[in-house]
Amino acid sequence: MSGLPTDGADLVSTALSIKSPIIAINSLSTDTEASEQKGIANLLIGLFGAIRNPTAHSPKIVWTMPEQDAIDMFALVSFLHRKLDSAVRR
């Protein structure tokens, strides 16, 4: 979507930056819209840190996640995915 060769927090920080965004979830024409862009970026970075990185970077014989945590995670991923689906490349 962004064409950037990075991943994780670096990818999100660069792609959704306020000063020179590659991807914009709105027109970024007001402080409120800029705050929304920052918030989505922070949620994505948090998702990487809390869910993706621990599962991808540490060996696990058994990885258990409570069912309710998995449901909540999928809801957050769905919300973020929908925001990115409607985003535009700048």
PDB file of N, CA and C in Angstrom:
ATOM      1  N   MET A   1       0.819  -1.189   0.000  1.00  0.00           N
ATOM      2  CA  MET A   1       0.000   0.000   0.000  1.00  0.00           C
ATOM      3  C   MET A   1       0.867   1.259   0.000  1.00  0.00           C
ATOM      4  N   SER A   2       1.916   1.265   0.825  1.00  0.00           N
ATOM      5  CA  SER A   2       2.771   2.460   0.889  1.00  0.00           C
ATOM      6  C   SER A   2       3.947   2.378  -0.070  1.00  0.00           C
ATOM      7  N   GLY A   3       4.352   1.159  -0.410  1.00  0.00           N
ATOM      8  CA  GLY A   3       5.536   0.983  -1.241  1.00  0.00           C
ATOM      9  C   GLY A   3       6.835   1.077  -0.466  1.00  0.00           C
ATOM     10  N   LEU A   4       6.754   1.254   0.843  1.00  0.00           N
ATOM     11  CA  LEU A   4       7.964   1.367   1.662  1.00  0.00           C
ATOM     12  C   LEU A   4       8.558  -0.011   1.942  1.00  0.00           C
ATOM     13  N   PRO A   5       9.888  -0.107   2.031  1.00  0.00           N
ATOM     14  CA  PRO A   5      10.529  -1.398   2.262  1.00  0.00           C
ATOM     15  C   PRO A   5      10.634  -1.772   3.745  1.00  0.00           C
ATOM     16  N   THR A   6      10.070  -0.977   4.637  1.00  0.00           N
ATOM     17  CA  THR A   6      10.177  -1.233   6.070  1.00  0.00           C
ATOM     18  C   THR A   6       8.942  -1.948   6.591  1.00  0.00           C
ATOM     19  N   ASP A   7       8.943  -2.238   7.881  1.00  0.00           N
ATOM     20  CA  ASP A   7       7.757  -2.821   8.497  1.00  0.00           C
ATOM     21  C   ASP A   7       7.629  -2.315   9.927  1.00  0.00           C
ATOM     22  N   GLY A   8       6.592  -2.752  10.600  1.00  0.00           N
ATOM     23  CA  GLY A   8       6.394  -2.403  11.994  1.00  0.00           C
ATOM     24  C   GLY A   8       6.236  -0.913  12.235  1.00  0.00           C
ATOM     25  N   ALA A   9       6.751  -0.473  13.384  1.00  0.00           N
ATOM     26  CA  ALA A   9       6.606   0.924  13.794  1.00  0.00           C
ATOM     27  C   ALA A   9       7.250   1.887  12.800  1.00  0.00           C
ATOM     28  N   ASP A  10       8.390   1.509  12.227  1.00  0.00           N
ATOM     29  CA  ASP A  10       9.043   2.383  11.241  1.00  0.00           C
ATOM     30  C   ASP A  10       8.145   2.614  10.027  1.00  0.00           C
ATOM     31  N   LEU A  11       7.529   1.562   9.556  1.00  0.00           N
ATOM     32  CA  LEU A  11       6.620   1.673   8.413  1.00  0.00           C
ATOM     33  C   LEU A  11       5.457   2.608   8.731  1.00  0.00           C
ATOM     34  N   VAL A  12       4.814   2.370   9.855  1.00  0.00           N
ATOM     35  CA  VAL A  12       3.655   3.182  10.225  1.00  0.00           C
ATOM     36  C   VAL A  12       4.053   4.638  10.424  1.00  0.00           C
ATOM     37  N   SER A  13       5.147   4.875  11.143  1.00  0.00           N
ATOM     38  CA  SER A  13       5.585   6.249  11.415  1.00  0.00           C
ATOM     39  C   SER A  13       5.869   7.018  10.133  1.00  0.00           C
ATOM     40  N   THR A  14       6.469   6.356   9.163  1.00  0.00           N
ATOM     41  CA  THR A  14       6.783   7.019   7.898  1.00  0.00           C
ATOM     42  C   THR A  14       5.538   7.175   7.028  1.00  0.00           C
ATOM     43  N   ALA A  15       4.792   6.096   6.877  1.00  0.00           N
ATOM     44  CA  ALA A  15       3.636   6.121   5.972  1.00  0.00           C
ATOM     45  C   ALA A  15       2.531   7.057   6.453  1.00  0.00           C
ATOM     46  N   LEU A  16       2.318   7.135   7.757  1.00  0.00           N
ATOM     47  CA  LEU A  16       1.218   7.935   8.288  1.00  0.00           C
ATOM     48  C   LEU A  16       1.686   9.215   8.974  1.00  0.00           C
ATOM     49  N   SER A  17       2.895   9.660   8.658  1.00  0.00           N
ATOM     50  CA  SER A  17       3.396  10.886   9.287  1.00  0.00           C
ATOM     51  C   SER A  17       2.477  12.059   8.955  1.00  0.00           C
ATOM     52  N   ILE A  18       2.475  13.033   9.815  1.00  0.00           N
ATOM     53  CA  ILE A  18       1.633  14.209   9.588  1.00  0.00           C
ATOM     54  C   ILE A  18       2.297  15.177   8.616  1.00  0.00           C
ATOM     55  N   LYS A  19       3.608  15.339   8.723  1.00  0.00           N
ATOM     56  CA  LYS A  19       4.318  16.328   7.900  1.00  0.00           C
ATOM     57  C   LYS A  19       4.380  15.944   6.427  1.00  0.00           C
ATOM     58  N   SER A  20       4.664  14.685   6.148  1.00  0.00           N
ATOM     59  CA  SER A  20       4.729  14.245   4.747  1.00  0.00           C
ATOM     60  C   SER A  20       4.193  12.821   4.632  1.00  0.00           C
ATOM     61  N   PRO A  21       2.881  12.655   4.791  1.00  0.00           N
ATOM     62  CA  PRO A  21       2.303  11.311   4.763  1.00  0.00           C
ATOM     63  C   PRO A  21       2.309  10.692   3.371  1.00  0.00           C
ATOM     64  N   ILE A  22       2.531   9.413   3.339  1.00  0.00           N
ATOM     65  CA  ILE A  22       2.378   8.655   2.098  1.00  0.00           C
ATOM     66  C   ILE A  22       0.931   8.179   2.004  1.00  0.00           C
ATOM     67  N   ILE A  23       0.355   7.896   3.161  1.00  0.00           N
ATOM     68  CA  ILE A  23      -1.028   7.439   3.246  1.00  0.00           C
ATOM     69  C   ILE A  23      -1.778   8.378   4.188  1.00  0.00           C
ATOM     70  N   ALA A  24      -2.946   8.826   3.763  1.00  0.00           N
ATOM     71  CA  ALA A  24      -3.768   9.693   4.607  1.00  0.00           C
ATOM     72  C   ALA A  24      -5.138   9.060   4.793  1.00  0.00           C
ATOM     73  N   ILE A  25      -5.587   8.990   6.032  1.00  0.00           N
ATOM     74  CA  ILE A  25      -6.906   8.415   6.294  1.00  0.00           C
ATOM     75  C   ILE A  25      -8.013   9.455   6.180  1.00  0.00           C
ATOM     76  N   ASN A  26      -7.609  10.712   6.019  1.00  0.00           N
ATOM     77  CA  ASN A  26      -8.563  11.802   5.825  1.00  0.00           C
ATOM     78  C   ASN A  26      -7.825  12.936   5.105  1.00  0.00           C
ATOM     79  N   SER A  27      -8.427  14.097   5.007  1.00  0.00           N
ATOM     80  CA  SER A  27      -7.793  15.190   4.255  1.00  0.00           C
ATOM     81  C   SER A  27      -6.686  15.898   5.027  1.00  0.00           C
ATOM     82  N   LEU A  28      -6.569  15.633   6.318  1.00  0.00           N
ATOM     83  CA  LEU A  28      -5.545  16.253   7.175  1.00  0.00           C
ATOM     84  C   LEU A  28      -5.612  17.777   7.143  1.00  0.00           C
ATOM     85  N   SER A  29      -6.797  18.314   6.915  1.00  0.00           N
ATOM     86  CA  SER A  29      -6.922  19.765   6.775  1.00  0.00           C
ATOM     87  C   SER A  29      -7.266  20.483   8.077  1.00  0.00           C
ATOM     88  N   THR A  30      -7.555  19.736   9.133  1.00  0.00           N
ATOM     89  CA  THR A  30      -7.845  20.357  10.429  1.00  0.00           C
ATOM     90  C   THR A  30      -7.011  19.679  11.511  1.00  0.00           C
ATOM     91  N   ASP A  31      -6.936  20.326  12.660  1.00  0.00           N
ATOM     92  CA  ASP A  31      -6.233  19.715  13.793  1.00  0.00           C
ATOM     93  C   ASP A  31      -6.886  18.396  14.196  1.00  0.00           C
ATOM     94  N   THR A  32      -8.202  18.343  14.121  1.00  0.00           N
ATOM     95  CA  THR A  32      -8.929  17.120  14.468  1.00  0.00           C
ATOM     96  C   THR A  32      -8.562  15.983  13.524  1.00  0.00           C
ATOM     97  N   GLU A  33      -8.492  16.261  12.230  1.00  0.00           N
ATOM     98  CA  GLU A  33      -8.122  15.225  11.266  1.00  0.00           C
ATOM     99  C   GLU A  33      -6.677  14.790  11.459  1.00  0.00           C
ATOM    100  N   ALA A  34      -5.785  15.722  11.759  1.00  0.00           N
ATOM    101  CA  ALA A  34      -4.393  15.362  12.037  1.00  0.00           C
ATOM    102  C   ALA A  34      -4.317  14.491  13.288  1.00  0.00           C
ATOM    103  N   SER A  35      -5.122  14.805  14.297  1.00  0.00           N
ATOM    104  CA  SER A  35      -5.155  13.993  15.517  1.00  0.00           C
ATOM    105  C   SER A  35      -5.665  12.587  15.231  1.00  0.00           C
ATOM    106  N   GLU A  36      -6.662  12.487  14.359  1.00  0.00           N
ATOM    107  CA  GLU A  36      -7.176  11.164  13.990  1.00  0.00           C
ATOM    108  C   GLU A  36      -6.085  10.357  13.289  1.00  0.00           C
ATOM    109  N   GLN A  37      -5.353  10.977  12.387  1.00  0.00           N
ATOM    110  CA  GLN A  37      -4.262  10.299  11.679  1.00  0.00           C
ATOM    111  C   GLN A  37      -3.221   9.805  12.690  1.00  0.00           C
ATOM    112  N   LYS A  38      -2.838  10.671  13.625  1.00  0.00           N
ATOM    113  CA  LYS A  38      -1.868  10.278  14.660  1.00  0.00           C
ATOM    114  C   LYS A  38      -2.407   9.134  15.506  1.00  0.00           C
ATOM    115  N   GLY A  39      -3.690   9.210  15.851  1.00  0.00           N
ATOM    116  CA  GLY A  39      -4.295   8.162  16.668  1.00  0.00           C
ATOM    117  C   GLY A  39      -4.298   6.811  15.978  1.00  0.00           C
ATOM    118  N   ILE A  40      -4.634   6.795  14.700  1.00  0.00           N
ATOM    119  CA  ILE A  40      -4.616   5.538  13.943  1.00  0.00           C
ATOM    120  C   ILE A  40      -3.189   4.999  13.880  1.00  0.00           C
ATOM    121  N   ALA A  41      -2.221   5.876  13.636  1.00  0.00           N
ATOM    122  CA  ALA A  41      -0.818   5.449  13.610  1.00  0.00           C
ATOM    123  C   ALA A  41      -0.420   4.864  14.960  1.00  0.00           C
ATOM    124  N   ASN A  42      -0.809   5.515  16.046  1.00  0.00           N
ATOM    125  CA  ASN A  42      -0.461   5.013  17.376  1.00  0.00           C
ATOM    126  C   ASN A  42      -1.118   3.670  17.673  1.00  0.00           C
ATOM    127  N   LEU A  43      -2.363   3.497  17.247  1.00  0.00           N
ATOM    128  CA  LEU A  43      -3.022   2.205  17.430  1.00  0.00           C
ATOM    129  C   LEU A  43      -2.299   1.103  16.656  1.00  0.00           C
ATOM    130  N   LEU A  44      -1.904   1.396  15.421  1.00  0.00           N
ATOM    131  CA  LEU A  44      -1.176   0.408  14.624  1.00  0.00           C
ATOM    132  C   LEU A  44       0.160   0.054  15.272  1.00  0.00           C
ATOM    133  N   ILE A  45       0.889   1.064  15.732  1.00  0.00           N
ATOM    134  CA  ILE A  45       2.173   0.814  16.386  1.00  0.00           C
ATOM    135  C   ILE A  45       1.954  -0.005  17.660  1.00  0.00           C
ATOM    136  N   GLY A  46       0.922   0.325  18.416  1.00  0.00           N
ATOM    137  CA  GLY A  46       0.606  -0.441  19.619  1.00  0.00           C
ATOM    138  C   GLY A  46       0.242  -1.879  19.310  1.00  0.00           C
ATOM    139  N   LEU A  47      -0.498  -2.081  18.233  1.00  0.00           N
ATOM    140  CA  LEU A  47      -0.867  -3.437  17.829  1.00  0.00           C
ATOM    141  C   LEU A  47       0.373  -4.251  17.476  1.00  0.00           C
ATOM    142  N   PHE A  48       1.299  -3.631  16.743  1.00  0.00           N
ATOM    143  CA  PHE A  48       2.551  -4.324  16.434  1.00  0.00           C
ATOM    144  C   PHE A  48       3.293  -4.684  17.712  1.00  0.00           C
ATOM    145  N   GLY A  49       3.411  -3.730  18.634  1.00  0.00           N
ATOM    146  CA  GLY A  49       4.167  -3.961  19.854  1.00  0.00           C
ATOM    147  C   GLY A  49       3.530  -4.977  20.781  1.00  0.00           C
ATOM    148  N   ALA A  50       2.218  -4.945  20.883  1.00  0.00           N
ATOM    149  CA  ALA A  50       1.530  -5.803  21.843  1.00  0.00           C
ATOM    150  C   ALA A  50       1.183  -7.188  21.309  1.00  0.00           C
ATOM    151  N   ILE A  51       0.923  -7.295  20.033  1.00  0.00           N
ATOM    152  CA  ILE A  51       0.459  -8.572  19.468  1.00  0.00           C
ATOM    153  C   ILE A  51       1.455  -9.169  18.484  1.00  0.00           C
ATOM    154  N   ARG A  52       1.795  -8.435  17.452  1.00  0.00           N
ATOM    155  CA  ARG A  52       2.630  -9.005  16.393  1.00  0.00           C
ATOM    156  C   ARG A  52       4.040  -9.322  16.864  1.00  0.00           C
ATOM    157  N   ASN A  53       4.724  -8.360  17.471  1.00  0.00           N
ATOM    158  CA  ASN A  53       6.120  -8.574  17.844  1.00  0.00           C
ATOM    159  C   ASN A  53       6.316  -9.723  18.830  1.00  0.00           C
ATOM    160  N   PRO A  54       5.533  -9.808  19.904  1.00  0.00           N
ATOM    161  CA  PRO A  54       5.738 -10.935  20.819  1.00  0.00           C
ATOM    162  C   PRO A  54       5.520 -12.291  20.157  1.00  0.00           C
ATOM    163  N   THR A  55       4.577 -12.370  19.230  1.00  0.00           N
ATOM    164  CA  THR A  55       4.327 -13.663  18.595  1.00  0.00           C
ATOM    165  C   THR A  55       5.341 -13.972  17.511  1.00  0.00           C
ATOM    166  N   ALA A  56       5.899 -12.951  16.891  1.00  0.00           N
ATOM    167  CA  ALA A  56       6.832 -13.170  15.781  1.00  0.00           C
ATOM    168  C   ALA A  56       8.281 -13.298  16.230  1.00  0.00           C
ATOM    169  N   HIS A  57       8.623 -12.735  17.385  1.00  0.00           N
ATOM    170  CA  HIS A  57      10.029 -12.644  17.754  1.00  0.00           C
ATOM    171  C   HIS A  57      10.439 -13.474  18.961  1.00  0.00           C
ATOM    172  N   SER A  58       9.560 -14.269  19.485  1.00  0.00           N
ATOM    173  CA  SER A  58       9.979 -15.127  20.589  1.00  0.00           C
ATOM    174  C   SER A  58       9.493 -16.546  20.336  1.00  0.00           C
ATOM    175  N   PRO A  59      10.362 -17.514  20.629  1.00  0.00           N
ATOM    176  CA  PRO A  59       9.975 -18.900  20.381  1.00  0.00           C
ATOM    177  C   PRO A  59       8.833 -19.312  21.311  1.00  0.00           C
ATOM    178  N   LYS A  60       7.926 -20.060  20.773  1.00  0.00           N
ATOM    179  CA  LYS A  60       6.801 -20.519  21.575  1.00  0.00           C
ATOM    180  C   LYS A  60       6.519 -21.982  21.253  1.00  0.00           C
ATOM    181  N   ILE A  61       6.427 -22.760  22.288  1.00  0.00           N
ATOM    182  CA  ILE A  61       5.971 -24.135  22.103  1.00  0.00           C
ATOM    183  C   ILE A  61       4.446 -24.126  22.136  1.00  0.00           C
ATOM    184  N   VAL A  62       3.928 -23.399  23.090  1.00  0.00           N
ATOM    185  CA  VAL A  62       2.485 -23.227  23.196  1.00  0.00           C
ATOM    186  C   VAL A  62       2.226 -21.746  23.428  1.00  0.00           C
ATOM    187  N   TRP A  63       1.414 -21.165  22.597  1.00  0.00           N
ATOM    188  CA  TRP A  63       1.062 -19.763  22.785  1.00  0.00           C
ATOM    189  C   TRP A  63      -0.429 -19.708  23.012  1.00  0.00           C
ATOM    190  N   THR A  64      -0.785 -19.317  24.194  1.00  0.00           N
ATOM    191  CA  THR A  64      -2.204 -19.260  24.507  1.00  0.00           C
ATOM    192  C   THR A  64      -2.655 -17.815  24.577  1.00  0.00           C
ATOM    193  N   MET A  65      -3.785 -17.587  24.006  1.00  0.00           N
ATOM    194  CA  MET A  65      -4.420 -16.281  24.093  1.00  0.00           C
ATOM    195  C   MET A  65      -5.854 -16.545  24.514  1.00  0.00           C
ATOM    196  N   PRO A  66      -6.287 -15.887  25.554  1.00  0.00           N
ATOM    197  CA  PRO A  66      -7.687 -16.070  25.946  1.00  0.00           C
ATOM    198  C   PRO A  66      -8.626 -15.709  24.797  1.00  0.00           C
ATOM    199  N   GLU A  67      -9.715 -16.423  24.708  1.00  0.00           N
ATOM    200  CA  GLU A  67     -10.660 -16.212  23.614  1.00  0.00           C
ATOM    201  C   GLU A  67     -11.119 -14.761  23.530  1.00  0.00           C
ATOM    202  N   GLN A  68     -11.432 -14.150  24.661  1.00  0.00           N
ATOM    203  CA  GLN A  68     -11.912 -12.768  24.637  1.00  0.00           C
ATOM    204  C   GLN A  68     -10.838 -11.822  24.118  1.00  0.00           C
ATOM    205  N   ASP A  69      -9.564 -12.068  24.457  1.00  0.00           N
ATOM    206  CA  ASP A  69      -8.471 -11.243  23.932  1.00  0.00           C
ATOM    207  C   ASP A  69      -8.387 -11.368  22.415  1.00  0.00           C
ATOM    208  N   ALA A  70      -8.544 -12.595  21.910  1.00  0.00           N
ATOM    209  CA  ALA A  70      -8.494 -12.810  20.460  1.00  0.00           C
ATOM    210  C   ALA A  70      -9.648 -12.086  19.764  1.00  0.00           C
ATOM    211  N   ILE A  71     -10.831 -12.149  20.342  1.00  0.00           N
ATOM    212  CA  ILE A  71     -11.986 -11.458  19.761  1.00  0.00           C
ATOM    213  C   ILE A  71     -11.752  -9.951  19.750  1.00  0.00           C
ATOM    214  N   ASP A  72     -11.251  -9.420  20.861  1.00  0.00           N
ATOM    215  CA  ASP A  72     -10.965  -7.985  20.932  1.00  0.00           C
ATOM    216  C   ASP A  72      -9.900  -7.580  19.920  1.00  0.00           C
ATOM    217  N   MET A  73      -8.879  -8.415  19.778  1.00  0.00           N
ATOM    218  CA  MET A  73      -7.813  -8.128  18.821  1.00  0.00           C
ATOM    219  C   MET A  73      -8.369  -8.090  17.395  1.00  0.00           C
ATOM    220  N   PHE A  74      -9.208  -9.054  17.052  1.00  0.00           N
ATOM    221  CA  PHE A  74      -9.793  -9.073  15.713  1.00  0.00           C
ATOM    222  C   PHE A  74     -10.675  -7.850  15.470  1.00  0.00           C
ATOM    223  N   ALA A  75     -11.383  -7.397  16.492  1.00  0.00           N
ATOM    224  CA  ALA A  75     -12.203  -6.191  16.344  1.00  0.00           C
ATOM    225  C   ALA A  75     -11.315  -4.981  16.055  1.00  0.00           C
ATOM    226  N   LEU A  76     -10.197  -4.856  16.777  1.00  0.00           N
ATOM    227  CA  LEU A  76      -9.280  -3.740  16.546  1.00  0.00           C
ATOM    228  C   LEU A  76      -8.660  -3.824  15.154  1.00  0.00           C
ATOM    229  N   VAL A  77      -8.238  -5.009  14.764  1.00  0.00           N
ATOM    230  CA  VAL A  77      -7.652  -5.190  13.432  1.00  0.00           C
ATOM    231  C   VAL A  77      -8.680  -4.839  12.357  1.00  0.00           C
ATOM    232  N   SER A  78      -9.925  -5.246  12.543  1.00  0.00           N
ATOM    233  CA  SER A  78     -10.977  -4.938  11.578  1.00  0.00           C
ATOM    234  C   SER A  78     -11.182  -3.429  11.450  1.00  0.00           C
ATOM    235  N   PHE A  79     -11.220  -2.733  12.570  1.00  0.00           N
ATOM    236  CA  PHE A  79     -11.378  -1.277  12.566  1.00  0.00           C
ATOM    237  C   PHE A  79     -10.229  -0.609  11.820  1.00  0.00           C
ATOM    238  N   LEU A  80      -8.997  -1.001  12.152  1.00  0.00           N
ATOM    239  CA  LEU A  80      -7.827  -0.395  11.512  1.00  0.00           C
ATOM    240  C   LEU A  80      -7.784  -0.720  10.020  1.00  0.00           C
ATOM    241  N   HIS A  81      -8.126  -1.942   9.671  1.00  0.00           N
ATOM    242  CA  HIS A  81      -8.133  -2.347   8.259  1.00  0.00           C
ATOM    243  C   HIS A  81      -9.142  -1.522   7.471  1.00  0.00           C
ATOM    244  N   ARG A  82     -10.309  -1.299   8.049  1.00  0.00           N
ATOM    245  CA  ARG A  82     -11.336  -0.494   7.379  1.00  0.00           C
ATOM    246  C   ARG A  82     -10.849   0.939   7.170  1.00  0.00           C
ATOM    247  N   LYS A  83     -10.161   1.497   8.162  1.00  0.00           N
ATOM    248  CA  LYS A  83      -9.603   2.850   8.020  1.00  0.00           C
ATOM    249  C   LYS A  83      -8.574   2.885   6.891  1.00  0.00           C
ATOM    250  N   LEU A  84      -7.724   1.874   6.836  1.00  0.00           N
ATOM    251  CA  LEU A  84      -6.704   1.829   5.784  1.00  0.00           C
ATOM    252  C   LEU A  84      -7.322   1.574   4.414  1.00  0.00           C
ATOM    253  N   ASP A  85      -8.386   0.777   4.365  1.00  0.00           N
ATOM    254  CA  ASP A  85      -9.067   0.529   3.086  1.00  0.00           C
ATOM    255  C   ASP A  85      -9.600   1.817   2.464  1.00  0.00           C
ATOM    256  N   SER A  86     -10.024   2.751   3.299  1.00  0.00           N
ATOM    257  CA  SER A  86     -10.578   3.997   2.763  1.00  0.00           C
ATOM    258  C   SER A  86      -9.532   5.112   2.676  1.00  0.00           C
ATOM    259  N   ALA A  87      -8.303   4.817   3.057  1.00  0.00           N
ATOM    260  CA  ALA A  87      -7.232   5.821   3.002  1.00  0.00           C
ATOM    261  C   ALA A  87      -6.810   6.072   1.559  1.00  0.00           C
ATOM    262  N   VAL A  88      -6.142   7.200   1.359  1.00  0.00           N
ATOM    263  CA  VAL A  88      -5.643   7.531   0.027  1.00  0.00           C
ATOM    264  C   VAL A  88      -4.132   7.690   0.065  1.00  0.00           C
ATOM    265  N   ARG A  89      -3.525   7.352  -1.044  1.00  0.00           N
ATOM    266  CA  ARG A  89      -2.091   7.539  -1.204  1.00  0.00           C
ATOM    267  C   ARG A  89      -1.849   8.969  -1.643  1.00  0.00           C
ATOM    268  N   ARG A  90      -0.870   9.615  -1.039  1.00  0.00           N
ATOM    269  CA  ARG A  90      -0.615  11.028  -1.366  1.00  0.00           C
ATOM    270  C   ARG A  90       0.639  11.175  -2.178  1.00  0.00           C
TER     271      ARG A  90
END
